[in-house]
Amino acid sequence: MRLSTLAALAAVAHGVTPTQKVIQLLQDMMAKGKEDLRAEEVKFSAFSEWCDNTKAAKGQAIQREADTIASLESEVDQLQADCGQLSRQISSLDEAVEQHTTDTKAATEVRGKESADFQATYQDYSETLDSLDGAIATMKSGTVNGFNFLQLSRSSAMPADVMRILASFAQSGDAVSETAAPEAQYNTHLGGIIVRV
């Protein structure tokens, strides 16, 4: 208590009363508070501007991303539709490939059979042509096993119907002089047979 009294007396001695001292302290405090308020307002203004800028930038980014999402969703829908269409085409092509494979197998079997038939026919024709070549060579030579065709036709061992056929053949088609020898007539008809073969 003594100190406070001494302080009060010293203040009075300097001409400042305690009430004035309190008012002075309150005024200093108010000035400091106003200064802190102005500093806080500056900081708040800067922070508020940063928030507004960030909010605008984030809003634009969100809008861009939303547009991108909408575009990608549309693209996904289109790709799913394309995928469905392509799946149907693949299925159709698989069926076509399977059908072509079956057709190819059947055609190969038919060609194999036709080839075997052709080879058999070709072999038969080849043998026939070889026989005809041999027969033509024999006819050109005029003898079979040492017998002359003309002598063979006059033989009594020749059946009558064969004789008639030979006679009709000798008289038909090729013109041969009646005065020619029988061998010449035979050779002339033989030439016609060879040409026809």
C-alpha atoms as a PDB file:
ATOM      1  CA  MET A   1       0.000   0.000   0.000  1.00  0.00           C
ATOM      2  CA  ARG A   2       2.839   2.230   0.630  1.00  0.00           C
ATOM      3  CA  LEU A   3       4.055   1.884  -2.896  1.00  0.00           C
ATOM      4  CA  SER A   4       0.760   2.766  -4.427  1.00  0.00           C
ATOM      5  CA  THR A   5       0.588   5.804  -2.245  1.00  0.00           C
ATOM      6  CA  LEU A   6       4.093   6.789  -3.247  1.00  0.00           C
ATOM      7  CA  ALA A   7       3.235   6.288  -6.894  1.00  0.00           C
ATOM      8  CA  ALA A   8       0.129   8.393  -6.513  1.00  0.00           C
ATOM      9  CA  LEU A   9       2.092  11.110  -4.799  1.00  0.00           C
ATOM     10  CA  ALA A  10       4.753  11.023  -7.503  1.00  0.00           C
ATOM     11  CA  ALA A  11       2.084  11.250 -10.162  1.00  0.00           C
ATOM     12  CA  VAL A  12       0.492  14.182  -8.443  1.00  0.00           C
ATOM     13  CA  ALA A  13       3.923  15.761  -8.137  1.00  0.00           C
ATOM     14  CA  HIS A  14       4.335  15.468 -11.919  1.00  0.00           C
ATOM     15  CA  GLY A  15       0.860  16.841 -12.505  1.00  0.00           C
ATOM     16  CA  VAL A  16      -0.779  13.603 -13.777  1.00  0.00           C
ATOM     17  CA  THR A  17      -3.619  12.211 -11.802  1.00  0.00           C
ATOM     18  CA  PRO A  18      -4.370   8.455 -11.671  1.00  0.00           C
ATOM     19  CA  THR A  19      -7.557   8.945 -13.579  1.00  0.00           C
ATOM     20  CA  GLN A  20      -5.664  10.691 -16.324  1.00  0.00           C
ATOM     21  CA  LYS A  21      -3.139   7.923 -16.270  1.00  0.00           C
ATOM     22  CA  VAL A  22      -5.932   5.332 -16.744  1.00  0.00           C
ATOM     23  CA  ILE A  23      -7.446   7.418 -19.523  1.00  0.00           C
ATOM     24  CA  GLN A  24      -4.028   7.669 -21.144  1.00  0.00           C
ATOM     25  CA  LEU A  25      -3.609   3.901 -20.897  1.00  0.00           C
ATOM     26  CA  LEU A  26      -7.068   3.330 -22.348  1.00  0.00           C
ATOM     27  CA  GLN A  27      -6.342   5.724 -25.206  1.00  0.00           C
ATOM     28  CA  ASP A  28      -3.042   3.991 -25.937  1.00  0.00           C
ATOM     29  CA  MET A  29      -4.797   0.666 -25.816  1.00  0.00           C
ATOM     30  CA  MET A  30      -7.511   1.952 -28.152  1.00  0.00           C
ATOM     31  CA  ALA A  31      -4.913   3.309 -30.618  1.00  0.00           C
ATOM     32  CA  LYS A  32      -3.065  -0.020 -30.549  1.00  0.00           C
ATOM     33  CA  GLY A  33      -6.373  -1.864 -31.032  1.00  0.00           C
ATOM     34  CA  LYS A  34      -7.235   0.362 -34.036  1.00  0.00           C
ATOM     35  CA  GLU A  35      -3.765  -0.236 -35.472  1.00  0.00           C
ATOM     36  CA  ASP A  36      -4.142  -4.008 -34.963  1.00  0.00           C
ATOM     37  CA  LEU A  37      -7.635  -3.812 -36.500  1.00  0.00           C
ATOM     38  CA  ARG A  38      -6.273  -2.039 -39.587  1.00  0.00           C
ATOM     39  CA  ALA A  39      -3.491  -4.627 -39.901  1.00  0.00           C
ATOM     40  CA  GLU A  40      -6.039  -7.391 -39.466  1.00  0.00           C
ATOM     41  CA  GLU A  41      -8.308  -5.803 -42.095  1.00  0.00           C
ATOM     42  CA  VAL A  42      -5.390  -5.687 -44.550  1.00  0.00           C
ATOM     43  CA  LYS A  43      -4.581  -9.306 -43.822  1.00  0.00           C
ATOM     44  CA  PHE A  44      -8.252 -10.286 -44.079  1.00  0.00           C
ATOM     45  CA  SER A  45      -8.630  -8.353 -47.329  1.00  0.00           C
ATOM     46  CA  ALA A  46      -5.595 -10.154 -48.805  1.00  0.00           C
ATOM     47  CA  PHE A  47      -6.875 -13.500 -47.527  1.00  0.00           C
ATOM     48  CA  SER A  48     -10.382 -12.755 -48.808  1.00  0.00           C
ATOM     49  CA  GLU A  49      -8.959 -11.839 -52.238  1.00  0.00           C
ATOM     50  CA  TRP A  50      -6.922 -15.063 -52.241  1.00  0.00           C
ATOM     51  CA  CYS A  51     -10.060 -17.027 -51.320  1.00  0.00           C
ATOM     52  CA  ASP A  52     -12.064 -15.353 -54.091  1.00  0.00           C
ATOM     53  CA  ASN A  53      -9.316 -16.021 -56.639  1.00  0.00           C
ATOM     54  CA  THR A  54      -8.913 -19.600 -55.477  1.00  0.00           C
ATOM     55  CA  LYS A  55     -12.677 -20.108 -55.481  1.00  0.00           C
ATOM     56  CA  ALA A  56     -12.931 -18.771 -59.066  1.00  0.00           C
ATOM     57  CA  ALA A  57      -9.988 -20.917 -60.227  1.00  0.00           C
ATOM     58  CA  LYS A  58     -11.367 -24.009 -58.504  1.00  0.00           C
ATOM     59  CA  GLY A  59     -14.833 -23.299 -59.928  1.00  0.00           C
ATOM     60  CA  GLN A  60     -13.377 -23.071 -63.436  1.00  0.00           C
ATOM     61  CA  ALA A  61     -11.353 -26.251 -62.859  1.00  0.00           C
ATOM     62  CA  ILE A  62     -14.459 -28.024 -61.558  1.00  0.00           C
ATOM     63  CA  GLN A  63     -16.431 -26.878 -64.611  1.00  0.00           C
ATOM     64  CA  ARG A  64     -13.672 -28.038 -66.963  1.00  0.00           C
ATOM     65  CA  GLU A  65     -13.506 -31.407 -65.228  1.00  0.00           C
ATOM     66  CA  ALA A  66     -17.305 -31.687 -65.292  1.00  0.00           C
ATOM     67  CA  ASP A  67     -17.243 -30.973 -69.052  1.00  0.00           C
ATOM     68  CA  THR A  68     -14.476 -33.558 -69.452  1.00  0.00           C
ATOM     69  CA  ILE A  69     -16.502 -36.106 -67.461  1.00  0.00           C
ATOM     70  CA  ALA A  70     -19.585 -35.435 -69.597  1.00  0.00           C
ATOM     71  CA  SER A  71     -17.499 -35.761 -72.780  1.00  0.00           C
ATOM     72  CA  LEU A  72     -15.877 -38.982 -71.552  1.00  0.00           C
ATOM     73  CA  GLU A  73     -19.255 -40.423 -70.517  1.00  0.00           C
ATOM     74  CA  SER A  74     -20.588 -39.643 -73.999  1.00  0.00           C
ATOM     75  CA  GLU A  75     -17.491 -41.270 -75.532  1.00  0.00           C
ATOM     76  CA  VAL A  76     -17.922 -44.325 -73.281  1.00  0.00           C
ATOM     77  CA  ASP A  77     -21.554 -44.632 -74.393  1.00  0.00           C
ATOM     78  CA  GLN A  78     -20.491 -44.369 -78.054  1.00  0.00           C
ATOM     79  CA  LEU A  79     -17.697 -46.912 -77.576  1.00  0.00           C
ATOM     80  CA  GLN A  80     -20.071 -49.317 -75.838  1.00  0.00           C
ATOM     81  CA  ALA A  81     -22.494 -48.984 -78.771  1.00  0.00           C
ATOM     82  CA  ASP A  82     -19.600 -49.552 -81.203  1.00  0.00           C
ATOM     83  CA  CYS A  83     -18.463 -52.529 -79.125  1.00  0.00           C
ATOM     84  CA  GLY A  84     -21.937 -54.056 -79.336  1.00  0.00           C
ATOM     85  CA  GLN A  85     -22.069 -53.534 -83.089  1.00  0.00           C
ATOM     86  CA  LEU A  86     -18.554 -54.921 -83.573  1.00  0.00           C
ATOM     87  CA  SER A  87     -19.400 -57.921 -81.378  1.00  0.00           C
ATOM     88  CA  ARG A  88     -22.377 -58.653 -83.630  1.00  0.00           C
ATOM     89  CA  GLN A  89     -20.159 -58.303 -86.712  1.00  0.00           C
ATOM     90  CA  ILE A  90     -17.557 -60.625 -85.182  1.00  0.00           C
ATOM     91  CA  SER A  91     -20.261 -63.157 -84.404  1.00  0.00           C
ATOM     92  CA  SER A  92     -21.576 -62.900 -87.966  1.00  0.00           C
ATOM     93  CA  LEU A  93     -18.067 -63.273 -89.392  1.00  0.00           C
ATOM     94  CA  ASP A  94     -17.382 -66.259 -87.127  1.00  0.00           C
ATOM     95  CA  GLU A  95     -20.532 -67.908 -88.491  1.00  0.00           C
ATOM     96  CA  ALA A  96     -19.433 -67.084 -92.060  1.00  0.00           C
ATOM     97  CA  VAL A  97     -15.958 -68.531 -91.409  1.00  0.00           C
ATOM     98  CA  GLU A  98     -17.516 -71.664 -89.942  1.00  0.00           C
ATOM     99  CA  GLN A  99     -19.850 -71.975 -92.946  1.00  0.00           C
ATOM    100  CA  HIS A 100     -16.960 -71.438 -95.386  1.00  0.00           C
ATOM    101  CA  THR A 101     -14.875 -74.013 -93.521  1.00  0.00           C
ATOM    102  CA  THR A 102     -17.729 -76.530 -93.760  1.00  0.00           C
ATOM    103  CA  ASP A 103     -18.256 -75.693 -97.452  1.00  0.00           C
ATOM    104  CA  THR A 104     -14.522 -76.004 -98.126  1.00  0.00           C
ATOM    105  CA  LYS A 105     -14.385 -79.379 -96.417  1.00  0.00           C
ATOM    106  CA  ALA A 106     -17.413 -80.624 -98.396  1.00  0.00           C
ATOM    107  CA  ALA A 107     -15.994 -79.243-101.658  1.00  0.00           C
ATOM    108  CA  THR A 108     -12.634 -80.883-100.914  1.00  0.00           C
ATOM    109  CA  GLU A 109     -14.363 -84.230-100.377  1.00  0.00           C
ATOM    110  CA  VAL A 110     -16.346 -83.828-103.633  1.00  0.00           C
ATOM    111  CA  ARG A 111     -13.170 -82.843-105.508  1.00  0.00           C
ATOM    112  CA  GLY A 112     -11.392 -85.860-104.055  1.00  0.00           C
ATOM    113  CA  LYS A 113     -14.140 -88.160-105.296  1.00  0.00           C
ATOM    114  CA  GLU A 114     -14.249 -86.412-108.683  1.00  0.00           C
ATOM    115  CA  SER A 115     -10.472 -86.660-108.913  1.00  0.00           C
ATOM    116  CA  ALA A 116     -10.620 -90.398-108.184  1.00  0.00           C
ATOM    117  CA  ASP A 117     -13.370 -90.786-110.809  1.00  0.00           C
ATOM    118  CA  PHE A 118     -11.328 -88.750-113.279  1.00  0.00           C
ATOM    119  CA  GLN A 119      -8.216 -90.816-112.642  1.00  0.00           C
ATOM    120  CA  ALA A 120     -10.187 -94.019-113.171  1.00  0.00           C
ATOM    121  CA  THR A 121     -11.751 -92.638-116.387  1.00  0.00           C
ATOM    122  CA  TYR A 122      -8.389 -91.328-117.543  1.00  0.00           C
ATOM    123  CA  GLN A 123      -6.801 -94.718-116.903  1.00  0.00           C
ATOM    124  CA  ASP A 124      -9.625 -96.423-118.810  1.00  0.00           C
ATOM    125  CA  TYR A 125      -9.294 -93.994-121.738  1.00  0.00           C
ATOM    126  CA  SER A 126      -5.523 -94.352-121.723  1.00  0.00           C
ATOM    127  CA  GLU A 127      -5.817 -98.130-121.867  1.00  0.00           C
ATOM    128  CA  THR A 128      -8.442 -97.836-124.622  1.00  0.00           C
ATOM    129  CA  LEU A 129      -6.231 -95.477-126.639  1.00  0.00           C
ATOM    130  CA  ASP A 130      -3.256 -97.780-126.153  1.00  0.00           C
ATOM    131  CA  SER A 131      -5.400-100.683-127.415  1.00  0.00           C
ATOM    132  CA  LEU A 132      -6.576 -98.618-130.375  1.00  0.00           C
ATOM    133  CA  ASP A 133      -2.997 -97.617-131.183  1.00  0.00           C
ATOM    134  CA  GLY A 134      -2.074-101.298-131.132  1.00  0.00           C
ATOM    135  CA  ALA A 135      -5.105-102.189-133.274  1.00  0.00           C
ATOM    136  CA  ILE A 136      -4.274 -99.449-135.776  1.00  0.00           C
ATOM    137  CA  ALA A 137      -0.695-100.609-135.993  1.00  0.00           C
ATOM    138  CA  THR A 138      -1.930-104.166-136.497  1.00  0.00           C
ATOM    139  CA  MET A 139      -4.410-103.082-139.175  1.00  0.00           C
ATOM    140  CA  LYS A 140      -1.753-101.067-140.954  1.00  0.00           C
ATOM    141  CA  SER A 141       0.492-104.113-141.040  1.00  0.00           C
ATOM    142  CA  GLY A 142      -2.355-106.148-142.575  1.00  0.00           C
ATOM    143  CA  THR A 143      -1.660-109.290-140.584  1.00  0.00           C
ATOM    144  CA  VAL A 144      -2.703-110.759-137.261  1.00  0.00           C
ATOM    145  CA  ASN A 145      -0.680-113.701-135.960  1.00  0.00           C
ATOM    146  CA  GLY A 146       0.635-114.263-139.473  1.00  0.00           C
ATOM    147  CA  PHE A 147      -2.798-114.209-141.204  1.00  0.00           C
ATOM    148  CA  ASN A 148      -3.800-111.628-143.738  1.00  0.00           C
ATOM    149  CA  PHE A 149      -7.133-109.866-142.943  1.00  0.00           C
ATOM    150  CA  LEU A 150      -8.413-110.608-146.418  1.00  0.00           C
ATOM    151  CA  GLN A 151      -7.591-114.290-146.069  1.00  0.00           C
ATOM    152  CA  LEU A 152      -9.128-114.295-142.614  1.00  0.00           C
ATOM    153  CA  SER A 153     -12.404-112.853-143.977  1.00  0.00           C
ATOM    154  CA  ARG A 154     -12.570-115.631-146.595  1.00  0.00           C
ATOM    155  CA  SER A 155     -11.975-118.281-144.013  1.00  0.00           C
ATOM    156  CA  SER A 156     -14.768-120.712-143.326  1.00  0.00           C
ATOM    157  CA  ALA A 157     -14.121-120.257-139.612  1.00  0.00           C
ATOM    158  CA  MET A 158     -15.511-116.725-139.842  1.00  0.00           C
ATOM    159  CA  PRO A 159     -19.133-116.524-138.599  1.00  0.00           C
ATOM    160  CA  ALA A 160     -21.740-115.524-141.175  1.00  0.00           C
ATOM    161  CA  ASP A 161     -22.883-112.364-139.405  1.00  0.00           C
ATOM    162  CA  VAL A 162     -19.276-111.118-139.212  1.00  0.00           C
ATOM    163  CA  MET A 163     -18.920-111.874-142.911  1.00  0.00           C
ATOM    164  CA  ARG A 164     -22.056-109.807-143.642  1.00  0.00           C
ATOM    165  CA  ILE A 165     -20.700-106.901-141.601  1.00  0.00           C
ATOM    166  CA  LEU A 166     -17.376-107.042-143.379  1.00  0.00           C
ATOM    167  CA  ALA A 167     -19.103-107.268-146.749  1.00  0.00           C
ATOM    168  CA  SER A 168     -21.364-104.305-146.024  1.00  0.00           C
ATOM    169  CA  PHE A 169     -18.413-102.342-144.738  1.00  0.00           C
ATOM    170  CA  ALA A 170     -16.407-103.166-147.839  1.00  0.00           C
ATOM    171  CA  GLN A 171     -19.239-101.895-150.057  1.00  0.00           C
ATOM    172  CA  SER A 172     -20.059 -98.722-148.095  1.00  0.00           C
ATOM    173  CA  GLY A 173     -18.478 -95.320-147.889  1.00  0.00           C
ATOM    174  CA  ASP A 174     -15.145 -95.244-149.692  1.00  0.00           C
ATOM    175  CA  ALA A 175     -15.146 -95.487-153.468  1.00  0.00           C
ATOM    176  CA  VAL A 176     -12.794 -98.246-154.656  1.00  0.00           C
ATOM    177  CA  SER A 177     -12.373 -99.441-158.163  1.00  0.00           C
ATOM    178  CA  GLU A 178     -14.069-102.759-158.782  1.00  0.00           C
ATOM    179  CA  THR A 179     -11.120-103.830-160.872  1.00  0.00           C
ATOM    180  CA  ALA A 180      -8.720-103.271-158.023  1.00  0.00           C
ATOM    181  CA  ALA A 181      -7.324-106.241-156.227  1.00  0.00           C
ATOM    182  CA  PRO A 182      -9.164-107.348-153.038  1.00  0.00           C
ATOM    183  CA  GLU A 183      -6.140-106.339-150.949  1.00  0.00           C
ATOM    184  CA  ALA A 184      -6.365-102.771-152.295  1.00  0.00           C
ATOM    185  CA  GLN A 185     -10.071-102.632-151.435  1.00  0.00           C
ATOM    186  CA  TYR A 186      -9.291-103.843-147.966  1.00  0.00           C
ATOM    187  CA  ASN A 187      -6.467-101.291-147.513  1.00  0.00           C
ATOM    188  CA  THR A 188      -8.720 -98.460-148.744  1.00  0.00           C
ATOM    189  CA  HIS A 189     -11.406 -99.251-146.147  1.00  0.00           C
ATOM    190  CA  LEU A 190      -8.750 -99.728-143.510  1.00  0.00           C
ATOM    191  CA  GLY A 191      -7.528 -96.175-144.138  1.00  0.00           C
ATOM    192  CA  GLY A 192     -11.084 -94.864-143.508  1.00  0.00           C
ATOM    193  CA  ILE A 193     -11.241 -96.725-140.217  1.00  0.00           C
ATOM    194  CA  ILE A 194      -7.880 -95.376-139.113  1.00  0.00           C
ATOM    195  CA  VAL A 195      -8.925 -91.811-139.982  1.00  0.00           C
ATOM    196  CA  ARG A 196     -12.172 -92.201-138.004  1.00  0.00           C
ATOM    197  CA  VAL A 197     -10.319 -93.543-134.953  1.00  0.00           C
END
